């Protein structure tokens, strides 16, 4: 299938690309203005962005396309599986106390990170 035919088919399923992009950019601008956005690990940011893409496609295209909902569940599961044990008590912290927020702000998360919690098989 050539690219133009593929784009026409996807537009039928997902709606206009421009509409999706507009919704995503507006939402991402709001998210990035919230202090908590910068406290998120890379996997959480990517997961939320991919879920937003699926929401934009559902709102601008066919909301009954099961693929949207399966993908949303899959992205959420991927990030949930990477949650660090004990994260329930996580707090952002400050640069003064060496909290999580301080490590992200300084780029320290590019180095060794806590091991993710892996559910027992």
C-alpha atoms as a PDB file:
ATOM      1  CA  UNK A   1       0.000   0.000   0.000  1.00  0.00           C
ATOM      2  CA  UNK A   2       1.405   3.390  -0.925  1.00  0.00           C
ATOM      3  CA  UNK A   3       1.755   6.160   1.655  1.00  0.00           C
ATOM      4  CA  UNK A   4      -1.136   8.317   0.383  1.00  0.00           C
ATOM      5  CA  UNK A   5      -3.551   5.370   0.461  1.00  0.00           C
ATOM      6  CA  UNK A   6      -2.393   4.499   3.972  1.00  0.00           C
ATOM      7  CA  UNK A   7      -2.958   8.103   5.130  1.00  0.00           C
ATOM      8  CA  UNK A   8      -6.495   8.084   3.668  1.00  0.00           C
ATOM      9  CA  UNK A   9      -7.295   4.822   5.462  1.00  0.00           C
ATOM     10  CA  UNK A  10      -5.888   6.033   8.777  1.00  0.00           C
ATOM     11  CA  UNK A  11      -7.841   9.293   8.479  1.00  0.00           C
ATOM     12  CA  UNK A  12     -11.054   7.251   8.210  1.00  0.00           C
ATOM     13  CA  UNK A  13     -10.140   5.372  11.415  1.00  0.00           C
ATOM     14  CA  UNK A  14      -8.474   8.112  13.461  1.00  0.00           C
ATOM     15  CA  UNK A  15      -9.819  11.397  12.093  1.00  0.00           C
ATOM     16  CA  UNK A  16      -7.732  14.274  10.880  1.00  0.00           C
ATOM     17  CA  UNK A  17      -4.071  14.376  11.770  1.00  0.00           C
ATOM     18  CA  UNK A  18      -4.297  18.146  12.252  1.00  0.00           C
ATOM     19  CA  UNK A  19      -7.101  17.745  14.799  1.00  0.00           C
ATOM     20  CA  UNK A  20      -5.136  15.136  16.732  1.00  0.00           C
ATOM     21  CA  UNK A  21      -1.984  17.264  16.669  1.00  0.00           C
ATOM     22  CA  UNK A  22      -3.876  20.341  17.853  1.00  0.00           C
ATOM     23  CA  UNK A  23      -5.444  18.488  20.786  1.00  0.00           C
ATOM     24  CA  UNK A  24      -2.136  16.887  21.729  1.00  0.00           C
ATOM     25  CA  UNK A  25      -0.189  20.167  21.638  1.00  0.00           C
ATOM     26  CA  UNK A  26      -2.788  22.004  23.711  1.00  0.00           C
ATOM     27  CA  UNK A  27      -2.829  19.203  26.288  1.00  0.00           C
ATOM     28  CA  UNK A  28       0.969  18.879  26.348  1.00  0.00           C
ATOM     29  CA  UNK A  29       1.265  22.641  26.957  1.00  0.00           C
ATOM     30  CA  UNK A  30      -0.997  22.287  29.987  1.00  0.00           C
ATOM     31  CA  UNK A  31       0.851  19.218  31.280  1.00  0.00           C
ATOM     32  CA  UNK A  32       4.285  20.799  30.895  1.00  0.00           C
ATOM     33  CA  UNK A  33       3.140  23.814  32.930  1.00  0.00           C
ATOM     34  CA  UNK A  34       2.286  21.582  35.906  1.00  0.00           C
ATOM     35  CA  UNK A  35       5.274  21.164  38.265  1.00  0.00           C
ATOM     36  CA  UNK A  36       4.610  17.429  38.595  1.00  0.00           C
ATOM     37  CA  UNK A  37       5.364  16.867  34.893  1.00  0.00           C
ATOM     38  CA  UNK A  38       9.059  17.478  35.537  1.00  0.00           C
ATOM     39  CA  UNK A  39       8.964  15.007  38.424  1.00  0.00           C
ATOM     40  CA  UNK A  40       7.946  12.143  36.150  1.00  0.00           C
ATOM     41  CA  UNK A  41      10.413   9.558  34.913  1.00  0.00           C
ATOM     42  CA  UNK A  42      10.876   9.317  31.154  1.00  0.00           C
ATOM     43  CA  UNK A  43       8.743   6.174  30.904  1.00  0.00           C
ATOM     44  CA  UNK A  44       5.820   7.912  32.666  1.00  0.00           C
ATOM     45  CA  UNK A  45       6.044  10.939  30.351  1.00  0.00           C
ATOM     46  CA  UNK A  46       6.133   8.753  27.248  1.00  0.00           C
ATOM     47  CA  UNK A  47       3.264   6.606  28.535  1.00  0.00           C
ATOM     48  CA  UNK A  48       1.065   9.645  29.176  1.00  0.00           C
ATOM     49  CA  UNK A  49       1.953  11.062  25.749  1.00  0.00           C
ATOM     50  CA  UNK A  50       1.109   7.800  23.962  1.00  0.00           C
ATOM     51  CA  UNK A  51      -2.156   7.505  25.906  1.00  0.00           C
ATOM     52  CA  UNK A  52      -2.938  11.080  24.877  1.00  0.00           C
ATOM     53  CA  UNK A  53      -2.353  10.096  21.241  1.00  0.00           C
ATOM     54  CA  UNK A  54      -4.822   7.236  21.582  1.00  0.00           C
ATOM     55  CA  UNK A  55      -7.365   9.557  23.257  1.00  0.00           C
ATOM     56  CA  UNK A  56      -6.937  12.110  20.448  1.00  0.00           C
ATOM     57  CA  UNK A  57      -7.514   9.382  17.866  1.00  0.00           C
ATOM     58  CA  UNK A  58     -10.626   8.158  19.678  1.00  0.00           C
ATOM     59  CA  UNK A  59     -12.028  11.693  19.937  1.00  0.00           C
ATOM     60  CA  UNK A  60     -11.298  12.626  16.315  1.00  0.00           C
ATOM     61  CA  UNK A  61     -11.940   9.238  14.742  1.00  0.00           C
ATOM     62  CA  UNK A  62     -13.791   6.055  15.571  1.00  0.00           C
ATOM     63  CA  UNK A  63     -14.156   5.787  19.380  1.00  0.00           C
ATOM     64  CA  UNK A  64     -15.286   2.177  19.032  1.00  0.00           C
ATOM     65  CA  UNK A  65     -11.994   1.005  17.553  1.00  0.00           C
ATOM     66  CA  UNK A  66     -10.804  -1.502  20.136  1.00  0.00           C
ATOM     67  CA  UNK A  67      -7.171  -0.821  19.249  1.00  0.00           C
ATOM     68  CA  UNK A  68      -7.357   2.553  21.073  1.00  0.00           C
ATOM     69  CA  UNK A  69      -8.462   0.996  24.339  1.00  0.00           C
ATOM     70  CA  UNK A  70      -6.137  -2.013  24.150  1.00  0.00           C
ATOM     71  CA  UNK A  71      -3.168   0.278  23.525  1.00  0.00           C
ATOM     72  CA  UNK A  72      -4.115   2.578  26.424  1.00  0.00           C
ATOM     73  CA  UNK A  73      -4.237  -0.432  28.747  1.00  0.00           C
ATOM     74  CA  UNK A  74      -0.937  -1.702  27.368  1.00  0.00           C
ATOM     75  CA  UNK A  75       0.914   1.592  27.805  1.00  0.00           C
ATOM     76  CA  UNK A  76      -0.405   1.960  31.361  1.00  0.00           C
ATOM     77  CA  UNK A  77       0.675  -1.600  32.182  1.00  0.00           C
ATOM     78  CA  UNK A  78       4.184  -0.991  30.850  1.00  0.00           C
ATOM     79  CA  UNK A  79       4.682   2.007  33.145  1.00  0.00           C
ATOM     80  CA  UNK A  80       2.981   0.285  36.079  1.00  0.00           C
ATOM     81  CA  UNK A  81       5.458  -2.581  35.733  1.00  0.00           C
ATOM     82  CA  UNK A  82       8.318  -0.082  36.039  1.00  0.00           C
ATOM     83  CA  UNK A  83       7.057   1.442  39.285  1.00  0.00           C
ATOM     84  CA  UNK A  84       9.657   1.336  42.034  1.00  0.00           C
ATOM     85  CA  UNK A  85       8.797  -0.695  45.121  1.00  0.00           C
ATOM     86  CA  UNK A  86       7.797   1.652  47.940  1.00  0.00           C
ATOM     87  CA  UNK A  87       6.786   4.407  45.516  1.00  0.00           C
ATOM     88  CA  UNK A  88       3.554   4.875  47.475  1.00  0.00           C
ATOM     89  CA  UNK A  89       5.569   6.942  49.955  1.00  0.00           C
ATOM     90  CA  UNK A  90       7.479   8.834  47.236  1.00  0.00           C
ATOM     91  CA  UNK A  91       7.628  12.590  47.569  1.00  0.00           C
ATOM     92  CA  UNK A  92       9.272  15.031  45.185  1.00  0.00           C
ATOM     93  CA  UNK A  93      11.699  16.472  47.697  1.00  0.00           C
ATOM     94  CA  UNK A  94      13.787  19.548  47.145  1.00  0.00           C
ATOM     95  CA  UNK A  95      17.350  20.176  46.017  1.00  0.00           C
ATOM     96  CA  UNK A  96      18.225  20.723  49.675  1.00  0.00           C
ATOM     97  CA  UNK A  97      17.051  17.297  50.831  1.00  0.00           C
ATOM     98  CA  UNK A  98      18.182  15.362  47.743  1.00  0.00           C
ATOM     99  CA  UNK A  99      14.658  14.220  46.868  1.00  0.00           C
ATOM    100  CA  UNK A 100      13.505  12.711  43.587  1.00  0.00           C
ATOM    101  CA  UNK A 101      12.711  16.132  42.101  1.00  0.00           C
ATOM    102  CA  UNK A 102      16.242  17.315  42.816  1.00  0.00           C
ATOM    103  CA  UNK A 103      17.758  14.254  41.145  1.00  0.00           C
ATOM    104  CA  UNK A 104      15.689  14.845  38.001  1.00  0.00           C
ATOM    105  CA  UNK A 105      16.421  18.576  37.916  1.00  0.00           C
ATOM    106  CA  UNK A 106      20.157  17.914  38.058  1.00  0.00           C
ATOM    107  CA  UNK A 107      20.062  15.111  35.499  1.00  0.00           C
ATOM    108  CA  UNK A 108      21.064  12.585  38.134  1.00  0.00           C
ATOM    109  CA  UNK A 109      18.393  10.203  36.871  1.00  0.00           C
ATOM    110  CA  UNK A 110      20.488   9.646  33.765  1.00  0.00           C
ATOM    111  CA  UNK A 111      22.764   7.559  35.972  1.00  0.00           C
ATOM    112  CA  UNK A 112      21.878   4.550  38.127  1.00  0.00           C
ATOM    113  CA  UNK A 113      18.209   4.449  39.068  1.00  0.00           C
ATOM    114  CA  UNK A 114      16.342   2.390  41.651  1.00  0.00           C
ATOM    115  CA  UNK A 115      15.435  -1.063  40.416  1.00  0.00           C
ATOM    116  CA  UNK A 116      11.811  -1.314  39.276  1.00  0.00           C
ATOM    117  CA  UNK A 117       9.423  -3.543  41.144  1.00  0.00           C
ATOM    118  CA  UNK A 118       8.849  -6.740  39.188  1.00  0.00           C
ATOM    119  CA  UNK A 119       5.703  -8.705  40.054  1.00  0.00           C
ATOM    120  CA  UNK A 120       6.484 -12.267  41.113  1.00  0.00           C
ATOM    121  CA  UNK A 121       5.550 -14.825  38.512  1.00  0.00           C
END
